[in-house]
Amino acid sequence: AAIAATMMCAGAQAKVWNYAEVLIVGNSFGGGSYIRLNS
């Protein structure tokens, strides 16, 4: 159980917080939404 939990945690992506400036906002033809930023 300890090994399995360690493997699951290692596969998870870390997330960080940033302040940013928005440069461009838009949607792709494939349906995704994107923004271009400066930190």
PDB file of all heavy atoms in Angstrom:
ATOM      1  N   ALA A   1       0.835  -1.205   0.000  1.00  0.00           N
ATOM      2  CA  ALA A   1       0.000   0.000   0.000  1.00  0.00           C
ATOM      3  C   ALA A   1       0.868   1.253   0.000  1.00  0.00           C
ATOM      4  O   ALA A   1       0.570   2.238  -0.689  1.00  0.00           O
ATOM      5  CB  ALA A   1      -0.937  -0.001   1.203  1.00  0.00           C
ATOM      6  N   ALA A   2       1.962   1.251   0.751  1.00  0.00           N
ATOM      7  CA  ALA A   2       2.864   2.401   0.800  1.00  0.00           C
ATOM      8  C   ALA A   2       3.536   2.622  -0.552  1.00  0.00           C
ATOM      9  O   ALA A   2       3.666   3.756  -1.018  1.00  0.00           O
ATOM     10  CB  ALA A   2       3.905   2.204   1.892  1.00  0.00           C
ATOM     11  N   ILE A   3       3.948   1.551  -1.203  1.00  0.00           N
ATOM     12  CA  ILE A   3       4.577   1.661  -2.528  1.00  0.00           C
ATOM     13  C   ILE A   3       3.576   2.190  -3.546  1.00  0.00           C
ATOM     14  O   ILE A   3       3.894   3.066  -4.345  1.00  0.00           O
ATOM     15  CB  ILE A   3       5.158   0.295  -2.966  1.00  0.00           C
ATOM     16  CG1 ILE A   3       6.353  -0.068  -2.089  1.00  0.00           C
ATOM     17  CG2 ILE A   3       5.563   0.325  -4.437  1.00  0.00           C
ATOM     18  CD1 ILE A   3       6.846  -1.491  -2.273  1.00  0.00           C
ATOM     19  N   ALA A   4       2.362   1.684  -3.516  1.00  0.00           N
ATOM     20  CA  ALA A   4       1.328   2.138  -4.454  1.00  0.00           C
ATOM     21  C   ALA A   4       1.021   3.615  -4.251  1.00  0.00           C
ATOM     22  O   ALA A   4       0.882   4.377  -5.211  1.00  0.00           O
ATOM     23  CB  ALA A   4       0.064   1.303  -4.291  1.00  0.00           C
ATOM     24  N   ALA A   5       0.920   4.050  -3.004  1.00  0.00           N
ATOM     25  CA  ALA A   5       0.639   5.459  -2.721  1.00  0.00           C
ATOM     26  C   ALA A   5       1.778   6.352  -3.196  1.00  0.00           C
ATOM     27  O   ALA A   5       1.542   7.429  -3.762  1.00  0.00           O
ATOM     28  CB  ALA A   5       0.408   5.654  -1.226  1.00  0.00           C
ATOM     29  N   THR A   6       3.012   5.915  -3.027  1.00  0.00           N
ATOM     30  CA  THR A   6       4.167   6.681  -3.482  1.00  0.00           C
ATOM     31  C   THR A   6       4.160   6.811  -4.998  1.00  0.00           C
ATOM     32  O   THR A   6       4.425   7.875  -5.537  1.00  0.00           O
ATOM     33  CB  THR A   6       5.478   6.012  -3.016  1.00  0.00           C
ATOM     34  OG1 THR A   6       5.450   5.915  -1.593  1.00  0.00           O
ATOM     35  CG2 THR A   6       6.689   6.802  -3.463  1.00  0.00           C
ATOM     36  N   MET A   7       3.827   5.744  -5.698  1.00  0.00           N
ATOM     37  CA  MET A   7       3.796   5.773  -7.159  1.00  0.00           C
ATOM     38  C   MET A   7       2.693   6.701  -7.657  1.00  0.00           C
ATOM     39  O   MET A   7       2.874   7.427  -8.627  1.00  0.00           O
ATOM     40  CB  MET A   7       3.601   4.365  -7.712  1.00  0.00           C
ATOM     41  CG  MET A   7       4.823   3.476  -7.517  1.00  0.00           C
ATOM     42  SD  MET A   7       4.550   1.763  -7.968  1.00  0.00           S
ATOM     43  CE  MET A   7       4.137   1.912  -9.673  1.00  0.00           C
ATOM     44  N   MET A   8       1.545   6.705  -7.001  1.00  0.00           N
ATOM     45  CA  MET A   8       0.448   7.575  -7.406  1.00  0.00           C
ATOM     46  C   MET A   8       0.814   9.030  -7.191  1.00  0.00           C
ATOM     47  O   MET A   8       0.527   9.883  -8.027  1.00  0.00           O
ATOM     48  CB  MET A   8      -0.829   7.213  -6.648  1.00  0.00           C
ATOM     49  CG  MET A   8      -1.438   5.909  -7.118  1.00  0.00           C
ATOM     50  SD  MET A   8      -2.816   5.335  -6.116  1.00  0.00           S
ATOM     51  CE  MET A   8      -3.876   6.736  -6.068  1.00  0.00           C
ATOM     52  N   CYS A   9       1.464   9.339  -6.089  1.00  0.00           N
ATOM     53  CA  CYS A   9       1.864  10.721  -5.816  1.00  0.00           C
ATOM     54  C   CYS A   9       2.918  11.185  -6.801  1.00  0.00           C
ATOM     55  O   CYS A   9       2.921  12.335  -7.215  1.00  0.00           O
ATOM     56  CB  CYS A   9       2.391  10.854  -4.396  1.00  0.00           C
ATOM     57  SG  CYS A   9       1.109  10.719  -3.153  1.00  0.00           S
ATOM     58  N   ALA A  10       3.821  10.329  -7.170  1.00  0.00           N
ATOM     59  CA  ALA A  10       4.886  10.691  -8.107  1.00  0.00           C
ATOM     60  C   ALA A  10       4.315  11.000  -9.477  1.00  0.00           C
ATOM     61  O   ALA A  10       4.844  11.833 -10.206  1.00  0.00           O
ATOM     62  CB  ALA A  10       5.912   9.567  -8.206  1.00  0.00           C
ATOM     63  N   GLY A  11       3.215  10.343  -9.861  1.00  0.00           N
ATOM     64  CA  GLY A  11       2.609  10.571 -11.162  1.00  0.00           C
ATOM     65  C   GLY A  11       1.736  11.812 -11.208  1.00  0.00           C
ATOM     66  O   GLY A  11       1.397  12.304 -12.263  1.00  0.00           O
ATOM     67  N   ALA A  12       1.349  12.350 -10.086  1.00  0.00           N
ATOM     68  CA  ALA A  12       0.500  13.533 -10.047  1.00  0.00           C
ATOM     69  C   ALA A  12       1.305  14.764 -10.440  1.00  0.00           C
ATOM     70  O   ALA A  12       2.480  14.865 -10.141  1.00  0.00           O
ATOM     71  CB  ALA A  12      -0.079  13.722  -8.654  1.00  0.00           C
ATOM     72  N   GLN A  13       0.651  15.692 -11.122  1.00  0.00           N
ATOM     73  CA  GLN A  13       1.337  16.900 -11.533  1.00  0.00           C
ATOM     74  C   GLN A  13       1.228  17.952 -10.439  1.00  0.00           C
ATOM     75  O   GLN A  13       0.167  18.172  -9.872  1.00  0.00           O
ATOM     76  CB  GLN A  13       0.715  17.439 -12.814  1.00  0.00           C
ATOM     77  CG  GLN A  13       0.968  16.544 -14.001  1.00  0.00           C
ATOM     78  CD  GLN A  13       0.406  17.140 -15.274  1.00  0.00           C
ATOM     79  OE1 GLN A  13      -0.422  18.011 -15.237  1.00  0.00           O
ATOM     80  NE2 GLN A  13       0.882  16.647 -16.395  1.00  0.00           N
ATOM     81  N   ALA A  14       2.333  18.605 -10.194  1.00  0.00           N
ATOM     82  CA  ALA A  14       2.349  19.699  -9.222  1.00  0.00           C
ATOM     83  C   ALA A  14       1.713  20.924  -9.863  1.00  0.00           C
ATOM     84  O   ALA A  14       1.765  21.105 -11.074  1.00  0.00           O
ATOM     85  CB  ALA A  14       3.771  19.995  -8.805  1.00  0.00           C
ATOM     86  N   LYS A  15       1.123  21.758  -9.044  1.00  0.00           N
ATOM     87  CA  LYS A  15       0.516  22.985  -9.539  1.00  0.00           C
ATOM     88  C   LYS A  15       1.088  24.161  -8.771  1.00  0.00           C
ATOM     89  O   LYS A  15       1.352  24.067  -7.584  1.00  0.00           O
ATOM     90  CB  LYS A  15      -1.007  22.927  -9.385  1.00  0.00           C
ATOM     91  CG  LYS A  15      -1.630  21.839 -10.233  1.00  0.00           C
ATOM     92  CD  LYS A  15      -3.115  21.770 -10.021  1.00  0.00           C
ATOM     93  CE  LYS A  15      -3.692  20.586 -10.776  1.00  0.00           C
ATOM     94  NZ  LYS A  15      -5.058  20.304 -10.374  1.00  0.00           N
ATOM     95  N   VAL A  16       1.291  25.262  -9.482  1.00  0.00           N
ATOM     96  CA  VAL A  16       1.848  26.466  -8.875  1.00  0.00           C
ATOM     97  C   VAL A  16       0.942  27.663  -9.182  1.00  0.00           C
ATOM     98  O   VAL A  16       0.161  27.642 -10.124  1.00  0.00           O
ATOM     99  CB  VAL A  16       3.280  26.762  -9.376  1.00  0.00           C
ATOM    100  CG1 VAL A  16       4.248  25.691  -8.948  1.00  0.00           C
ATOM    101  CG2 VAL A  16       3.306  26.939 -10.875  1.00  0.00           C
ATOM    102  N   TRP A  17       1.083  28.695  -8.359  1.00  0.00           N
ATOM    103  CA  TRP A  17       0.314  29.923  -8.528  1.00  0.00           C
ATOM    104  C   TRP A  17       1.218  31.016  -9.071  1.00  0.00           C
ATOM    105  O   TRP A  17       2.362  31.143  -8.655  1.00  0.00           O
ATOM    106  CB  TRP A  17      -0.277  30.356  -7.194  1.00  0.00           C
ATOM    107  CG  TRP A  17      -1.383  29.452  -6.740  1.00  0.00           C
ATOM    108  CD1 TRP A  17      -1.255  28.336  -5.968  1.00  0.00           C
ATOM    109  CD2 TRP A  17      -2.759  29.574  -7.046  1.00  0.00           C
ATOM    110  NE1 TRP A  17      -2.489  27.761  -5.766  1.00  0.00           N
ATOM    111  CE2 TRP A  17      -3.440  28.505  -6.411  1.00  0.00           C
ATOM    112  CE3 TRP A  17      -3.510  30.490  -7.784  1.00  0.00           C
ATOM    113  CZ2 TRP A  17      -4.805  28.334  -6.508  1.00  0.00           C
ATOM    114  CZ3 TRP A  17      -4.877  30.317  -7.871  1.00  0.00           C
ATOM    115  CH2 TRP A  17      -5.512  29.251  -7.236  1.00  0.00           C
ATOM    116  N   ASN A  18       0.694  31.819 -10.024  1.00  0.00           N
ATOM    117  CA  ASN A  18       1.433  32.941 -10.606  1.00  0.00           C
ATOM    118  C   ASN A  18       0.489  34.114 -10.846  1.00  0.00           C
ATOM    119  O   ASN A  18      -0.679  33.918 -11.178  1.00  0.00           O
ATOM    120  CB  ASN A  18       2.027  32.584 -11.976  1.00  0.00           C
ATOM    121  CG  ASN A  18       3.135  31.601 -11.911  1.00  0.00           C
ATOM    122  OD1 ASN A  18       2.902  30.412 -12.048  1.00  0.00           O
ATOM    123  ND2 ASN A  18       4.344  32.070 -11.715  1.00  0.00           N
ATOM    124  N   TYR A  19       1.026  35.330 -10.714  1.00  0.00           N
ATOM    125  CA  TYR A  19       0.338  36.522 -11.196  1.00  0.00           C
ATOM    126  C   TYR A  19       0.753  36.695 -12.649  1.00  0.00           C
ATOM    127  O   TYR A  19       1.906  36.436 -13.010  1.00  0.00           O
ATOM    128  CB  TYR A  19       0.731  37.755 -10.384  1.00  0.00           C
ATOM    129  CG  TYR A  19       0.106  37.775  -9.022  1.00  0.00           C
ATOM    130  CD1 TYR A  19       0.796  37.293  -7.919  1.00  0.00           C
ATOM    131  CD2 TYR A  19      -1.187  38.259  -8.847  1.00  0.00           C
ATOM    132  CE1 TYR A  19       0.217  37.304  -6.658  1.00  0.00           C
ATOM    133  CE2 TYR A  19      -1.771  38.268  -7.594  1.00  0.00           C
ATOM    134  CZ  TYR A  19      -1.073  37.785  -6.509  1.00  0.00           C
ATOM    135  OH  TYR A  19      -1.652  37.787  -5.269  1.00  0.00           O
ATOM    136  N   ALA A  20      -0.180  37.121 -13.497  1.00  0.00           N
ATOM    137  CA  ALA A  20       0.140  37.228 -14.915  1.00  0.00           C
ATOM    138  C   ALA A  20      -0.628  38.354 -15.581  1.00  0.00           C
ATOM    139  O   ALA A  20      -1.652  38.827 -15.084  1.00  0.00           O
ATOM    140  CB  ALA A  20      -0.171  35.904 -15.617  1.00  0.00           C
ATOM    141  N   GLU A  21      -0.098  38.745 -16.728  1.00  0.00           N
ATOM    142  CA  GLU A  21      -0.721  39.734 -17.607  1.00  0.00           C
ATOM    143  C   GLU A  21      -1.279  38.990 -18.815  1.00  0.00           C
ATOM    144  O   GLU A  21      -0.600  38.156 -19.409  1.00  0.00           O
ATOM    145  CB  GLU A  21       0.338  40.738 -18.062  1.00  0.00           C
ATOM    146  CG  GLU A  21      -0.090  41.633 -19.183  1.00  0.00           C
ATOM    147  CD  GLU A  21       1.053  42.453 -19.759  1.00  0.00           C
ATOM    148  OE1 GLU A  21       2.234  42.123 -19.513  1.00  0.00           O
ATOM    149  OE2 GLU A  21       0.753  43.425 -20.468  1.00  0.00           O
ATOM    150  N   VAL A  22      -2.515  39.279 -19.197  1.00  0.00           N
ATOM    151  CA  VAL A  22      -3.143  38.630 -20.353  1.00  0.00           C
ATOM    152  C   VAL A  22      -2.754  39.385 -21.618  1.00  0.00           C
ATOM    153  O   VAL A  22      -2.937  40.596 -21.707  1.00  0.00           O
ATOM    154  CB  VAL A  22      -4.684  38.604 -20.211  1.00  0.00           C
ATOM    155  CG1 VAL A  22      -5.321  37.980 -21.448  1.00  0.00           C
ATOM    156  CG2 VAL A  22      -5.092  37.847 -18.959  1.00  0.00           C
ATOM    157  N   LEU A  23      -2.228  38.652 -22.599  1.00  0.00           N
ATOM    158  CA  LEU A  23      -1.853  39.248 -23.876  1.00  0.00           C
ATOM    159  C   LEU A  23      -2.898  38.977 -24.953  1.00  0.00           C
ATOM    160  O   LEU A  23      -3.311  39.879 -25.678  1.00  0.00           O
ATOM    161  CB  LEU A  23      -0.487  38.715 -24.333  1.00  0.00           C
ATOM    162  CG  LEU A  23       0.674  38.943 -23.372  1.00  0.00           C
ATOM    163  CD1 LEU A  23       1.925  38.255 -23.890  1.00  0.00           C
ATOM    164  CD2 LEU A  23       0.904  40.419 -23.160  1.00  0.00           C
ATOM    165  N   ILE A  24      -3.317  37.712 -25.077  1.00  0.00           N
ATOM    166  CA  ILE A  24      -4.271  37.298 -26.111  1.00  0.00           C
ATOM    167  C   ILE A  24      -5.205  36.252 -25.518  1.00  0.00           C
ATOM    168  O   ILE A  24      -4.776  35.382 -24.749  1.00  0.00           O
ATOM    169  CB  ILE A  24      -3.546  36.685 -27.334  1.00  0.00           C
ATOM    170  CG1 ILE A  24      -2.621  37.703 -27.981  1.00  0.00           C
ATOM    171  CG2 ILE A  24      -4.532  36.150 -28.354  1.00  0.00           C
ATOM    172  CD1 ILE A  24      -1.747  37.121 -29.074  1.00  0.00           C
ATOM    173  N   VAL A  25      -6.480  36.298 -25.901  1.00  0.00           N
ATOM    174  CA  VAL A  25      -7.485  35.328 -25.475  1.00  0.00           C
ATOM    175  C   VAL A  25      -8.136  34.762 -26.726  1.00  0.00           C
ATOM    176  O   VAL A  25      -8.464  35.512 -27.643  1.00  0.00           O
ATOM    177  CB  VAL A  25      -8.583  36.007 -24.610  1.00  0.00           C
ATOM    178  CG1 VAL A  25      -9.627  35.000 -24.180  1.00  0.00           C
ATOM    179  CG2 VAL A  25      -7.981  36.722 -23.429  1.00  0.00           C
ATOM    180  N   GLY A  26      -8.337  33.436 -26.782  1.00  0.00           N
ATOM    181  CA  GLY A  26      -8.998  32.887 -27.961  1.00  0.00           C
ATOM    182  C   GLY A  26      -9.350  31.425 -27.856  1.00  0.00           C
ATOM    183  O   GLY A  26      -8.965  30.741 -26.910  1.00  0.00           O
ATOM    184  N   ASN A  27     -10.097  30.967 -28.865  1.00  0.00           N
ATOM    185  CA  ASN A  27     -10.492  29.559 -28.997  1.00  0.00           C
ATOM    186  C   ASN A  27      -9.867  28.981 -30.253  1.00  0.00           C
ATOM    187  O   ASN A  27      -9.717  29.685 -31.254  1.00  0.00           O
ATOM    188  CB  ASN A  27     -12.012  29.428 -29.113  1.00  0.00           C
ATOM    189  CG  ASN A  27     -12.716  29.701 -27.812  1.00  0.00           C
ATOM    190  OD1 ASN A  27     -12.304  29.226 -26.778  1.00  0.00           O
ATOM    191  ND2 ASN A  27     -13.774  30.492 -27.873  1.00  0.00           N
ATOM    192  N   SER A  28      -9.534  27.710 -30.212  1.00  0.00           N
ATOM    193  CA  SER A  28      -9.015  27.038 -31.403  1.00  0.00           C
ATOM    194  C   SER A  28     -10.188  26.424 -32.168  1.00  0.00           C
ATOM    195  O   SER A  28     -11.282  26.252 -31.631  1.00  0.00           O
ATOM    196  CB  SER A  28      -8.014  25.955 -31.017  1.00  0.00           C
ATOM    197  OG  SER A  28      -8.682  24.882 -30.398  1.00  0.00           O
ATOM    198  N   PHE A  29      -9.958  26.073 -33.410  1.00  0.00           N
ATOM    199  CA  PHE A  29     -11.006  25.430 -34.206  1.00  0.00           C
ATOM    200  C   PHE A  29     -11.361  24.062 -33.643  1.00  0.00           C
ATOM    201  O   PHE A  29     -12.456  23.578 -33.823  1.00  0.00           O
ATOM    202  CB  PHE A  29     -10.574  25.304 -35.674  1.00  0.00           C
ATOM    203  CG  PHE A  29     -10.532  26.623 -36.381  1.00  0.00           C
ATOM    204  CD1 PHE A  29      -9.330  27.149 -36.817  1.00  0.00           C
ATOM    205  CD2 PHE A  29     -11.684  27.356 -36.588  1.00  0.00           C
ATOM    206  CE1 PHE A  29      -9.287  28.375 -37.467  1.00  0.00           C
ATOM    207  CE2 PHE A  29     -11.657  28.579 -37.227  1.00  0.00           C
ATOM    208  CZ  PHE A  29     -10.438  29.091 -37.674  1.00  0.00           C
ATOM    209  N   GLY A  30     -10.430  23.450 -32.932  1.00  0.00           N
ATOM    210  CA  GLY A  30     -10.677  22.153 -32.326  1.00  0.00           C
ATOM    211  C   GLY A  30     -11.505  22.216 -31.056  1.00  0.00           C
ATOM    212  O   GLY A  30     -11.856  21.207 -30.480  1.00  0.00           O
ATOM    213  N   GLY A  31     -11.793  23.429 -30.582  1.00  0.00           N
ATOM    214  CA  GLY A  31     -12.646  23.583 -29.416  1.00  0.00           C
ATOM    215  C   GLY A  31     -11.934  23.963 -28.137  1.00  0.00           C
ATOM    216  O   GLY A  31     -12.567  24.253 -27.147  1.00  0.00           O
ATOM    217  N   GLY A  32     -10.613  23.971 -28.113  1.00  0.00           N
ATOM    218  CA  GLY A  32      -9.886  24.341 -26.904  1.00  0.00           C
ATOM    219  C   GLY A  32      -9.827  25.851 -26.729  1.00  0.00           C
ATOM    220  O   GLY A  32      -9.915  26.600 -27.693  1.00  0.00           O
ATOM    221  N   SER A  33      -9.704  26.288 -25.495  1.00  0.00           N
ATOM    222  CA  SER A  33      -9.564  27.710 -25.184  1.00  0.00           C
ATOM    223  C   SER A  33      -8.150  27.966 -24.682  1.00  0.00           C
ATOM    224  O   SER A  33      -7.629  27.209 -23.864  1.00  0.00           O
ATOM    225  CB  SER A  33     -10.568  28.122 -24.110  1.00  0.00           C
ATOM    226  OG  SER A  33     -11.872  27.941 -24.589  1.00  0.00           O
ATOM    227  N   TYR A  34      -7.551  29.042 -25.174  1.00  0.00           N
ATOM    228  CA  TYR A  34      -6.159  29.348 -24.854  1.00  0.00           C
ATOM    229  C   TYR A  34      -5.999  30.816 -24.521  1.00  0.00           C
ATOM    230  O   TYR A  34      -6.744  31.665 -25.015  1.00  0.00           O
ATOM    231  CB  TYR A  34      -5.260  29.020 -26.054  1.00  0.00           C
ATOM    232  CG  TYR A  34      -5.239  27.555 -26.394  1.00  0.00           C
ATOM    233  CD1 TYR A  34      -6.184  27.010 -27.251  1.00  0.00           C
ATOM    234  CD2 TYR A  34      -4.281  26.707 -25.842  1.00  0.00           C
ATOM    235  CE1 TYR A  34      -6.175  25.659 -27.552  1.00  0.00           C
ATOM    236  CE2 TYR A  34      -4.261  25.356 -26.144  1.00  0.00           C
ATOM    237  CZ  TYR A  34      -5.221  24.841 -26.999  1.00  0.00           C
ATOM    238  OH  TYR A  34      -5.206  23.513 -27.286  1.00  0.00           O
ATOM    239  N   ILE A  35      -5.014  31.119 -23.680  1.00  0.00           N
ATOM    240  CA  ILE A  35      -4.620  32.501 -23.434  1.00  0.00           C
ATOM    241  C   ILE A  35      -3.098  32.571 -23.431  1.00  0.00           C
ATOM    242  O   ILE A  35      -2.418  31.621 -23.072  1.00  0.00           O
ATOM    243  CB  ILE A  35      -5.202  33.080 -22.125  1.00  0.00           C
ATOM    244  CG1 ILE A  35      -4.800  32.270 -20.896  1.00  0.00           C
ATOM    245  CG2 ILE A  35      -6.697  33.190 -22.190  1.00  0.00           C
ATOM    246  CD1 ILE A  35      -5.298  32.872 -19.602  1.00  0.00           C
ATOM    247  N   ARG A  36      -2.592  33.707 -23.884  1.00  0.00           N
ATOM    248  CA  ARG A  36      -1.145  33.945 -23.900  1.00  0.00           C
ATOM    249  C   ARG A  36      -0.848  34.937 -22.789  1.00  0.00           C
ATOM    250  O   ARG A  36      -1.521  35.964 -22.680  1.00  0.00           O
ATOM    251  CB  ARG A  36      -0.718  34.476 -25.270  1.00  0.00           C
ATOM    252  CG  ARG A  36       0.773  34.469 -25.452  1.00  0.00           C
ATOM    253  CD  ARG A  36       1.160  34.722 -26.889  1.00  0.00           C
ATOM    254  NE  ARG A  36       0.812  33.651 -27.802  1.00  0.00           N
ATOM    255  CZ  ARG A  36       1.522  32.531 -28.002  1.00  0.00           C
ATOM    256  NH1 ARG A  36       2.623  32.330 -27.311  1.00  0.00           N
ATOM    257  NH2 ARG A  36       1.142  31.633 -28.866  1.00  0.00           N
ATOM    258  N   LEU A  37       0.150  34.597 -21.952  1.00  0.00           N
ATOM    259  CA  LEU A  37       0.415  35.365 -20.734  1.00  0.00           C
ATOM    260  C   LEU A  37       1.882  35.740 -20.564  1.00  0.00           C
ATOM    261  O   LEU A  37       2.768  35.054 -21.083  1.00  0.00           O
ATOM    262  CB  LEU A  37       0.017  34.535 -19.501  1.00  0.00           C
ATOM    263  CG  LEU A  37      -1.402  34.003 -19.415  1.00  0.00           C
ATOM    264  CD1 LEU A  37      -1.542  33.071 -18.221  1.00  0.00           C
ATOM    265  CD2 LEU A  37      -2.384  35.145 -19.317  1.00  0.00           C
ATOM    266  N   ASN A  38       2.099  36.800 -19.802  1.00  0.00           N
ATOM    267  CA  ASN A  38       3.406  37.163 -19.250  1.00  0.00           C
ATOM    268  C   ASN A  38       3.301  37.037 -17.745  1.00  0.00           C
ATOM    269  O   ASN A  38       2.314  37.502 -17.153  1.00  0.00           O
ATOM    270  CB  ASN A  38       3.782  38.613 -19.569  1.00  0.00           C
ATOM    271  CG  ASN A  38       4.229  38.810 -20.996  1.00  0.00           C
ATOM    272  OD1 ASN A  38       4.659  37.886 -21.667  1.00  0.00           O
ATOM    273  ND2 ASN A  38       4.120  40.041 -21.471  1.00  0.00           N
ATOM    274  N   SER A  39       4.312  36.457 -17.112  1.00  0.00           N
ATOM    275  CA  SER A  39       4.311  36.400 -15.649  1.00  0.00           C
ATOM    276  C   SER A  39       4.664  37.768 -15.092  1.00  0.00           C
ATOM    277  O   SER A  39       5.330  38.575 -15.742  1.00  0.00           O
ATOM    278  CB  SER A  39       5.286  35.344 -15.136  1.00  0.00           C
ATOM    279  OG  SER A  39       6.604  35.675 -15.507  1.00  0.00           O
TER     280      SER A  39
END
